[in-house]
Amino acid sequence: MRRSEKLISDQTEINALLAKGEIIRVAMVDEGKPYLVPMSYGFKDGAIYLHCAKEGRKVDILRRNPNVCFEVSADTSLAAKEQACGWTYHFKSVIGNGKVVFLEETADKVSGLSAIMEQYGSADHSFPDKAVGNTLVLRIDIDEMTGKQSPAV
């Protein structure tokens, strides 16, 4: 990272950012071109959980190439100034990469769906069997990640 004072290297702080985020942006490569999607997610036990329909462009891409890059932002605020060049944005973010695993076993899918619900504060982790069967649940096994911040002073 060019500006080392912005680096968040403490893994506990990075994990806390992932635990409080609301939207993850997942980037993948579709026939040599980048493709990015915002998604809801859950972060639990060092992995990221996603859910989606069983078919579509995203699923097709991930079946061909499970490598992804992801980004989560938190603690964001715009700082407007009198001069246009003085404007800035305060934030904390995590960027990482990993591999997507398609969860097939019902127990694994329910665990992943529960992680997603917990991310948003829901204590209800009951899922109808039909819904679980019709939902694709993905896990990102994280290879590496770093944090960055531009805090308010």
Protein backbone atom coordinates (compact mmCIF):
# COMPACT_ATOMS: atom_id res chain seq x y z
CA MET A 1 0.00 0.00 0.00
CA ARG A 2 1.42 3.33 -1.06
CA ARG A 3 0.35 5.25 2.06
CA SER A 4 1.29 3.03 4.98
CA GLU A 5 -0.50 5.27 7.49
CA LYS A 6 -3.79 4.12 5.95
CA LEU A 7 -3.02 0.41 6.30
CA ILE A 8 -5.05 -1.68 8.74
CA SER A 9 -2.86 -4.69 9.42
CA ASP A 10 -4.41 -5.95 12.66
CA GLN A 11 -6.40 -9.09 11.77
CA THR A 12 -8.82 -8.54 14.66
CA GLU A 13 -9.71 -5.10 13.31
CA ILE A 14 -10.08 -6.44 9.76
CA ASN A 15 -12.39 -9.20 11.02
CA ALA A 16 -14.42 -6.63 12.98
CA LEU A 17 -14.88 -4.59 9.79
CA LEU A 18 -16.12 -7.65 7.93
CA ALA A 19 -18.47 -8.44 10.81
CA LYS A 20 -20.08 -4.98 10.71
CA GLY A 21 -20.33 -4.45 6.97
CA GLU A 22 -23.64 -4.57 5.16
CA ILE A 23 -22.77 -5.03 1.49
CA ILE A 24 -19.95 -6.94 -0.10
CA ARG A 25 -18.81 -6.32 -3.64
CA VAL A 26 -17.58 -9.47 -5.33
CA ALA A 27 -15.45 -9.21 -8.46
CA MET A 28 -14.85 -12.06 -10.86
CA VAL A 29 -13.56 -12.49 -14.40
CA ASP A 30 -15.99 -13.26 -17.23
CA GLU A 31 -14.12 -14.27 -20.37
CA GLY A 32 -11.30 -11.83 -19.70
CA LYS A 33 -13.54 -8.97 -18.55
CA PRO A 34 -14.19 -7.91 -14.97
CA TYR A 35 -17.68 -8.43 -13.54
CA LEU A 36 -18.66 -6.98 -10.17
CA VAL A 37 -21.78 -7.57 -8.09
CA PRO A 38 -22.91 -6.12 -4.75
CA MET A 39 -24.38 -8.76 -2.46
CA SER A 40 -25.57 -9.35 1.05
CA TYR A 41 -23.23 -11.64 2.97
CA GLY A 42 -22.28 -13.20 6.27
CA PHE A 43 -18.82 -13.39 7.82
CA LYS A 44 -18.26 -16.22 10.26
CA ASP A 45 -15.32 -18.34 11.35
CA GLY A 46 -12.97 -16.68 8.87
CA ALA A 47 -15.13 -17.29 5.80
CA ILE A 48 -17.63 -15.24 3.82
CA TYR A 49 -21.04 -16.68 2.94
CA LEU A 50 -23.22 -15.60 0.02
CA HIS A 51 -26.53 -16.77 -1.38
CA CYS A 52 -28.15 -16.45 -4.77
CA ALA A 53 -30.32 -18.16 -7.37
CA LYS A 54 -29.05 -21.45 -8.72
CA GLU A 55 -28.46 -20.07 -12.19
CA GLY A 56 -27.44 -16.85 -13.84
CA ARG A 57 -24.39 -15.02 -15.09
CA LYS A 58 -22.64 -14.89 -11.71
CA VAL A 59 -23.06 -18.63 -11.15
CA ASP A 60 -21.87 -19.44 -14.67
CA ILE A 61 -18.73 -17.34 -14.15
CA LEU A 62 -17.96 -18.86 -10.74
CA ARG A 63 -18.36 -22.40 -12.04
CA ARG A 64 -15.74 -21.65 -14.71
CA ASN A 65 -13.43 -19.70 -12.40
CA PRO A 66 -13.96 -19.67 -8.61
CA ASN A 67 -11.31 -17.00 -7.97
CA VAL A 68 -12.79 -13.75 -6.65
CA CYS A 69 -11.79 -10.41 -5.22
CA PHE A 70 -14.05 -8.80 -2.63
CA GLU A 71 -14.50 -5.42 -0.92
CA VAL A 72 -16.45 -4.32 2.15
CA SER A 73 -16.66 -0.73 3.42
CA ALA A 74 -17.78 0.53 6.83
CA ASP A 75 -17.74 3.73 8.89
CA THR A 76 -18.22 5.84 5.77
CA SER A 77 -18.89 9.57 5.73
CA LEU A 78 -18.51 12.32 3.16
CA ALA A 79 -16.56 15.38 4.30
CA ALA A 80 -17.63 18.34 2.17
CA LYS A 81 -15.39 21.39 2.21
CA GLU A 82 -15.69 24.90 0.86
CA GLN A 83 -13.25 24.18 -1.97
CA ALA A 84 -14.03 21.28 -4.31
CA CYS A 85 -10.50 19.89 -4.06
CA GLY A 86 -10.84 19.72 -0.28
CA TRP A 87 -13.66 17.19 -0.33
CA THR A 88 -12.81 13.73 0.94
CA TYR A 89 -14.41 10.55 2.11
CA HIS A 90 -13.74 8.91 5.48
CA PHE A 91 -13.98 5.12 5.51
CA LYS A 92 -12.61 1.81 6.59
CA SER A 93 -12.49 -1.01 4.07
CA VAL A 94 -11.29 -4.54 3.53
CA ILE A 95 -10.16 -5.88 0.19
CA GLY A 96 -9.23 -9.49 -0.27
CA ASN A 97 -9.28 -12.45 -2.55
CA GLY A 98 -10.19 -16.08 -2.29
CA LYS A 99 -11.93 -19.00 -3.91
CA VAL A 100 -15.66 -19.67 -4.01
CA VAL A 101 -16.89 -23.07 -2.83
CA PHE A 102 -20.40 -24.21 -3.79
CA LEU A 103 -22.05 -25.67 -0.68
CA GLU A 104 -24.05 -28.79 -1.49
CA GLU A 105 -24.92 -30.38 1.87
CA THR A 106 -28.11 -29.09 3.50
CA ALA A 107 -26.41 -28.61 6.89
CA ASP A 108 -23.63 -26.54 5.28
CA LYS A 109 -26.16 -24.44 3.38
CA VAL A 110 -28.20 -23.78 6.54
CA SER A 111 -25.02 -22.81 8.40
CA GLY A 112 -24.11 -20.37 5.62
CA LEU A 113 -27.62 -18.90 5.51
CA SER A 114 -27.53 -18.53 9.30
CA ALA A 115 -24.24 -16.61 9.03
CA ILE A 116 -25.90 -14.24 6.56
CA MET A 117 -28.89 -13.68 8.86
CA GLU A 118 -26.58 -13.07 11.83
CA GLN A 119 -24.70 -10.44 9.81
CA TYR A 120 -27.87 -8.35 9.78
CA GLY A 121 -28.84 -8.99 13.41
CA SER A 122 -31.52 -11.64 12.91
CA ALA A 123 -31.85 -14.33 15.56
CA ASP A 124 -34.33 -16.33 13.45
CA HIS A 125 -32.42 -19.09 11.73
CA SER A 126 -35.26 -21.29 10.59
CA PHE A 127 -35.37 -21.87 6.86
CA PRO A 128 -38.06 -23.81 5.00
CA ASP A 129 -36.63 -26.94 3.37
CA LYS A 130 -37.93 -25.83 -0.03
CA ALA A 131 -36.18 -22.45 0.25
CA VAL A 132 -32.88 -24.11 1.22
CA GLY A 133 -33.23 -26.50 -1.70
CA ASN A 134 -33.89 -23.68 -4.15
CA THR A 135 -31.05 -21.48 -2.92
CA LEU A 136 -27.42 -21.65 -3.91
CA VAL A 137 -25.14 -20.97 -0.95
CA LEU A 138 -21.51 -20.06 -1.58
CA ARG A 139 -18.54 -19.76 0.74
CA ILE A 140 -15.50 -17.65 -0.02
CA ASP A 141 -12.40 -19.26 1.45
CA ILE A 142 -10.20 -16.22 1.97
CA ASP A 143 -6.62 -16.40 0.70
CA GLU A 144 -5.57 -12.92 1.77
CA MET A 145 -6.99 -9.57 2.74
CA THR A 146 -5.89 -6.14 3.87
CA GLY A 147 -7.61 -3.20 5.45
CA LYS A 148 -7.44 0.47 4.60
CA GLN A 149 -8.73 3.54 6.41
CA SER A 150 -9.15 7.21 5.93
CA PRO A 151 -10.46 8.26 9.33
CA ALA A 152 -11.87 11.62 10.26
CA VAL A 153 -9.33 13.77 12.10
